[in-house]
Amino acid sequence: MSETTSGQHGYSAGKEDYLKRLRRIEGQIRGLQRMVEDDKYCIDILTQVSAATKALQSVSLGLMDEHLQHCVSQAIAEGGTTAEDKIREASDAIARLVRS
């Protein structure tokens, strides 16, 4: 992950919230493992997979928004090749998210 010139990532202000959300998702994943171990009904497992996927997508969108607002906008203000690199990097990340 690239850093801005200040040395902080765009998500730094909301870091604790992201960590809390990721820990909750981690708990969901452990719950999914238990469901499979306990031979739960496949539709129930799929429902929980969908919930975990949506939670991860929400984290991804939040991080992307932070990146665009902080890192990309700062790079654009500074101009030059750094701005072009940040825009390309963001576009590539969006493409990966869309494909997932």
N, C-alpha and C. Protein backbone atom coordinates (compact mmCIF):
# COMPACT_ATOMS: atom_id res chain seq x y z
N MET A 1 0.83 -1.17 0.00
CA MET A 1 0.00 0.00 0.00
C MET A 1 0.88 1.23 0.00
N SER A 2 0.59 2.19 -0.80
CA SER A 2 1.38 3.41 -0.89
C SER A 2 0.98 4.36 0.22
N GLU A 3 1.95 5.16 0.64
CA GLU A 3 1.68 6.17 1.65
C GLU A 3 1.67 7.53 0.99
N THR A 4 0.98 8.46 1.64
CA THR A 4 1.00 9.83 1.16
C THR A 4 2.27 10.47 1.66
N THR A 5 2.53 11.69 1.25
CA THR A 5 3.74 12.36 1.67
C THR A 5 3.76 12.61 3.17
N SER A 6 2.59 12.66 3.82
CA SER A 6 2.55 12.86 5.26
C SER A 6 2.84 11.57 6.01
N GLY A 7 2.91 10.42 5.31
CA GLY A 7 3.21 9.17 5.95
C GLY A 7 1.98 8.45 6.48
N GLN A 8 0.79 9.02 6.31
CA GLN A 8 -0.43 8.39 6.77
C GLN A 8 -1.26 7.94 5.59
N HIS A 9 -1.98 6.84 5.82
CA HIS A 9 -2.90 6.35 4.80
C HIS A 9 -4.22 7.09 4.94
N GLY A 10 -5.01 7.09 3.88
CA GLY A 10 -6.29 7.78 3.90
C GLY A 10 -7.25 7.26 4.94
N TYR A 11 -7.13 6.00 5.31
CA TYR A 11 -8.06 5.40 6.26
C TYR A 11 -7.62 5.59 7.71
N SER A 12 -6.50 6.24 7.96
CA SER A 12 -5.94 6.35 9.31
C SER A 12 -6.94 6.88 10.33
N ALA A 13 -7.73 7.86 9.95
CA ALA A 13 -8.69 8.45 10.89
C ALA A 13 -9.75 7.44 11.30
N GLY A 14 -10.12 6.52 10.43
CA GLY A 14 -11.15 5.53 10.73
C GLY A 14 -10.59 4.15 10.99
N LYS A 15 -9.30 4.07 11.29
CA LYS A 15 -8.62 2.78 11.43
C LYS A 15 -9.30 1.88 12.45
N GLU A 16 -9.65 2.39 13.62
CA GLU A 16 -10.27 1.56 14.65
C GLU A 16 -11.62 1.01 14.19
N ASP A 17 -12.38 1.82 13.46
CA ASP A 17 -13.66 1.34 12.93
C ASP A 17 -13.43 0.22 11.92
N TYR A 18 -12.44 0.38 11.05
CA TYR A 18 -12.14 -0.68 10.08
C TYR A 18 -11.71 -1.96 10.80
N LEU A 19 -10.87 -1.81 11.82
CA LEU A 19 -10.42 -2.98 12.56
C LEU A 19 -11.59 -3.68 13.25
N LYS A 20 -12.51 -2.91 13.82
CA LYS A 20 -13.68 -3.49 14.48
C LYS A 20 -14.53 -4.26 13.47
N ARG A 21 -14.73 -3.66 12.31
CA ARG A 21 -15.53 -4.32 11.28
C ARG A 21 -14.86 -5.59 10.78
N LEU A 22 -13.53 -5.54 10.60
CA LEU A 22 -12.80 -6.72 10.13
C LEU A 22 -12.80 -7.83 11.19
N ARG A 23 -12.74 -7.46 12.45
CA ARG A 23 -12.83 -8.48 13.51
C ARG A 23 -14.21 -9.13 13.51
N ARG A 24 -15.24 -8.34 13.26
CA ARG A 24 -16.60 -8.88 13.18
C ARG A 24 -16.69 -9.86 12.00
N ILE A 25 -16.10 -9.50 10.88
CA ILE A 25 -16.09 -10.38 9.70
C ILE A 25 -15.30 -11.65 10.01
N GLU A 26 -14.19 -11.50 10.72
CA GLU A 26 -13.41 -12.67 11.11
C GLU A 26 -14.28 -13.63 11.94
N GLY A 27 -15.08 -13.08 12.83
CA GLY A 27 -16.00 -13.90 13.61
C GLY A 27 -17.03 -14.59 12.74
N GLN A 28 -17.51 -13.87 11.71
CA GLN A 28 -18.46 -14.48 10.77
C GLN A 28 -17.81 -15.67 10.06
N ILE A 29 -16.56 -15.52 9.67
CA ILE A 29 -15.85 -16.58 8.96
C ILE A 29 -15.65 -17.79 9.87
N ARG A 30 -15.29 -17.53 11.13
CA ARG A 30 -15.17 -18.65 12.08
C ARG A 30 -16.52 -19.34 12.26
N GLY A 31 -17.59 -18.56 12.28
CA GLY A 31 -18.93 -19.14 12.37
C GLY A 31 -19.24 -20.02 11.16
N LEU A 32 -18.81 -19.57 9.99
CA LEU A 32 -18.99 -20.38 8.78
C LEU A 32 -18.24 -21.70 8.89
N GLN A 33 -17.02 -21.65 9.40
CA GLN A 33 -16.25 -22.88 9.58
C GLN A 33 -16.98 -23.84 10.51
N ARG A 34 -17.54 -23.33 11.61
CA ARG A 34 -18.28 -24.17 12.54
C ARG A 34 -19.53 -24.77 11.88
N MET A 35 -20.19 -23.95 11.06
CA MET A 35 -21.38 -24.45 10.37
C MET A 35 -21.03 -25.63 9.47
N VAL A 36 -19.92 -25.53 8.75
CA VAL A 36 -19.50 -26.63 7.87
C VAL A 36 -19.11 -27.84 8.72
N GLU A 37 -18.33 -27.59 9.80
CA GLU A 37 -17.94 -28.69 10.69
C GLU A 37 -19.16 -29.41 11.26
N ASP A 38 -20.21 -28.64 11.55
CA ASP A 38 -21.42 -29.20 12.16
C ASP A 38 -22.44 -29.68 11.13
N ASP A 39 -22.03 -29.71 9.86
CA ASP A 39 -22.90 -30.20 8.77
C ASP A 39 -24.24 -29.47 8.71
N LYS A 40 -24.19 -28.14 8.83
CA LYS A 40 -25.42 -27.34 8.75
C LYS A 40 -25.94 -27.35 7.32
N TYR A 41 -27.19 -26.99 7.18
CA TYR A 41 -27.87 -26.95 5.89
C TYR A 41 -27.16 -25.98 4.95
N CYS A 42 -26.91 -26.42 3.72
CA CYS A 42 -26.10 -25.64 2.79
C CYS A 42 -26.68 -24.25 2.50
N ILE A 43 -27.98 -24.12 2.44
CA ILE A 43 -28.59 -22.81 2.16
C ILE A 43 -28.31 -21.85 3.32
N ASP A 44 -28.31 -22.36 4.54
CA ASP A 44 -27.99 -21.52 5.69
C ASP A 44 -26.54 -21.05 5.63
N ILE A 45 -25.65 -21.94 5.22
CA ILE A 45 -24.24 -21.58 5.07
C ILE A 45 -24.09 -20.53 3.97
N LEU A 46 -24.75 -20.75 2.84
CA LEU A 46 -24.68 -19.79 1.73
C LEU A 46 -25.20 -18.41 2.14
N THR A 47 -26.24 -18.39 2.96
CA THR A 47 -26.77 -17.11 3.44
C THR A 47 -25.71 -16.37 4.25
N GLN A 48 -24.99 -17.11 5.09
CA GLN A 48 -23.94 -16.49 5.90
C GLN A 48 -22.73 -16.09 5.05
N VAL A 49 -22.42 -16.87 4.02
CA VAL A 49 -21.35 -16.48 3.09
C VAL A 49 -21.71 -15.16 2.42
N SER A 50 -22.96 -15.03 2.01
CA SER A 50 -23.42 -13.79 1.38
C SER A 50 -23.28 -12.60 2.34
N ALA A 51 -23.63 -12.80 3.59
CA ALA A 51 -23.52 -11.72 4.59
C ALA A 51 -22.06 -11.32 4.79
N ALA A 52 -21.16 -12.30 4.87
CA ALA A 52 -19.73 -12.00 5.03
C ALA A 52 -19.18 -11.29 3.80
N THR A 53 -19.62 -11.74 2.63
CA THR A 53 -19.18 -11.10 1.39
C THR A 53 -19.62 -9.65 1.34
N LYS A 54 -20.87 -9.38 1.70
CA LYS A 54 -21.37 -8.00 1.71
C LYS A 54 -20.61 -7.16 2.71
N ALA A 55 -20.26 -7.73 3.86
CA ALA A 55 -19.50 -6.99 4.86
C ALA A 55 -18.11 -6.63 4.33
N LEU A 56 -17.46 -7.57 3.66
CA LEU A 56 -16.15 -7.29 3.06
C LEU A 56 -16.26 -6.24 1.95
N GLN A 57 -17.32 -6.32 1.16
CA GLN A 57 -17.52 -5.33 0.11
C GLN A 57 -17.70 -3.94 0.71
N SER A 58 -18.40 -3.87 1.81
CA SER A 58 -18.61 -2.59 2.48
C SER A 58 -17.28 -2.01 2.96
N VAL A 59 -16.43 -2.85 3.53
CA VAL A 59 -15.10 -2.40 3.95
C VAL A 59 -14.31 -1.93 2.73
N SER A 60 -14.37 -2.71 1.66
CA SER A 60 -13.64 -2.34 0.43
C SER A 60 -14.09 -0.99 -0.11
N LEU A 61 -15.39 -0.77 -0.15
CA LEU A 61 -15.90 0.50 -0.66
C LEU A 61 -15.49 1.67 0.23
N GLY A 62 -15.50 1.45 1.53
CA GLY A 62 -15.07 2.49 2.46
C GLY A 62 -13.60 2.83 2.27
N LEU A 63 -12.77 1.81 2.14
CA LEU A 63 -11.34 2.04 1.92
C LEU A 63 -11.10 2.74 0.58
N MET A 64 -11.84 2.34 -0.44
CA MET A 64 -11.68 2.99 -1.75
C MET A 64 -12.07 4.45 -1.67
N ASP A 65 -13.17 4.74 -0.99
CA ASP A 65 -13.61 6.12 -0.83
C ASP A 65 -12.55 6.94 -0.10
N GLU A 66 -12.01 6.38 0.98
CA GLU A 66 -10.94 7.07 1.73
C GLU A 66 -9.73 7.31 0.83
N HIS A 67 -9.38 6.30 0.05
CA HIS A 67 -8.21 6.42 -0.84
C HIS A 67 -8.42 7.53 -1.87
N LEU A 68 -9.61 7.55 -2.46
CA LEU A 68 -9.89 8.59 -3.46
C LEU A 68 -9.88 9.98 -2.84
N GLN A 69 -10.53 10.12 -1.69
CA GLN A 69 -10.64 11.43 -1.06
C GLN A 69 -9.32 11.92 -0.50
N HIS A 70 -8.50 11.01 -0.01
CA HIS A 70 -7.26 11.44 0.66
C HIS A 70 -6.06 11.33 -0.27
N CYS A 71 -5.71 10.11 -0.64
CA CYS A 71 -4.47 9.86 -1.39
C CYS A 71 -4.53 10.38 -2.82
N VAL A 72 -5.61 10.05 -3.53
CA VAL A 72 -5.70 10.45 -4.94
C VAL A 72 -5.88 11.96 -5.06
N SER A 73 -6.77 12.52 -4.24
CA SER A 73 -6.98 13.98 -4.35
C SER A 73 -5.72 14.75 -3.98
N GLN A 74 -4.96 14.26 -3.00
CA GLN A 74 -3.70 14.92 -2.64
C GLN A 74 -2.69 14.83 -3.78
N ALA A 75 -2.62 13.65 -4.41
CA ALA A 75 -1.69 13.47 -5.53
C ALA A 75 -2.08 14.35 -6.71
N ILE A 76 -3.37 14.50 -6.95
CA ILE A 76 -3.82 15.37 -8.05
C ILE A 76 -3.45 16.82 -7.75
N ALA A 77 -3.62 17.23 -6.51
CA ALA A 77 -3.26 18.60 -6.13
C ALA A 77 -1.77 18.85 -6.32
N GLU A 78 -0.96 17.82 -6.06
CA GLU A 78 0.49 17.95 -6.24
C GLU A 78 0.88 17.87 -7.72
N GLY A 79 0.07 17.17 -8.51
CA GLY A 79 0.31 17.06 -9.94
C GLY A 79 1.44 16.12 -10.30
N GLY A 80 1.80 16.13 -11.56
CA GLY A 80 2.91 15.32 -12.04
C GLY A 80 2.56 13.85 -12.21
N THR A 81 3.60 13.04 -12.31
CA THR A 81 3.40 11.61 -12.55
C THR A 81 2.81 10.90 -11.34
N THR A 82 3.01 11.45 -10.15
CA THR A 82 2.42 10.84 -8.96
C THR A 82 0.91 10.79 -9.08
N ALA A 83 0.32 11.87 -9.59
CA ALA A 83 -1.14 11.91 -9.78
C ALA A 83 -1.58 10.84 -10.77
N GLU A 84 -0.87 10.73 -11.87
CA GLU A 84 -1.21 9.72 -12.87
C GLU A 84 -1.09 8.32 -12.28
N ASP A 85 -0.04 8.09 -11.49
CA ASP A 85 0.17 6.78 -10.86
C ASP A 85 -0.96 6.45 -9.89
N LYS A 86 -1.36 7.42 -9.07
CA LYS A 86 -2.44 7.19 -8.09
C LYS A 86 -3.77 6.92 -8.78
N ILE A 87 -4.04 7.62 -9.86
CA ILE A 87 -5.28 7.40 -10.60
C ILE A 87 -5.28 6.01 -11.22
N ARG A 88 -4.16 5.62 -11.81
CA ARG A 88 -4.05 4.29 -12.41
C ARG A 88 -4.17 3.21 -11.33
N GLU A 89 -3.53 3.44 -10.20
CA GLU A 89 -3.60 2.50 -9.08
C GLU A 89 -5.05 2.33 -8.60
N ALA A 90 -5.76 3.44 -8.46
CA ALA A 90 -7.17 3.40 -8.03
C ALA A 90 -8.03 2.69 -9.07
N SER A 91 -7.80 2.98 -10.34
CA SER A 91 -8.56 2.33 -11.41
C SER A 91 -8.33 0.83 -11.41
N ASP A 92 -7.09 0.42 -11.20
CA ASP A 92 -6.78 -1.02 -11.13
C ASP A 92 -7.47 -1.68 -9.94
N ALA A 93 -7.47 -0.99 -8.81
CA ALA A 93 -8.13 -1.53 -7.61
C ALA A 93 -9.64 -1.64 -7.83
N ILE A 94 -10.23 -0.66 -8.47
CA ILE A 94 -11.68 -0.71 -8.76
C ILE A 94 -11.97 -1.88 -9.70
N ALA A 95 -11.13 -2.08 -10.69
CA ALA A 95 -11.32 -3.19 -11.62
C ALA A 95 -11.25 -4.53 -10.87
N ARG A 96 -10.30 -4.67 -9.93
CA ARG A 96 -10.22 -5.90 -9.14
C ARG A 96 -11.47 -6.10 -8.30
N LEU A 97 -11.98 -5.04 -7.72
CA LEU A 97 -13.19 -5.13 -6.90
C LEU A 97 -14.39 -5.53 -7.72
N VAL A 98 -14.50 -4.99 -8.90
CA VAL A 98 -15.63 -5.30 -9.79
C VAL A 98 -15.58 -6.76 -10.21
N ARG A 99 -14.39 -7.27 -10.45
CA ARG A 99 -14.24 -8.67 -10.89
C ARG A 99 -14.49 -9.65 -9.76
N SER A 100 -14.32 -9.21 -8.52
CA SER A 100 -14.44 -10.16 -7.39
C SER A 100 -15.88 -10.42 -7.01
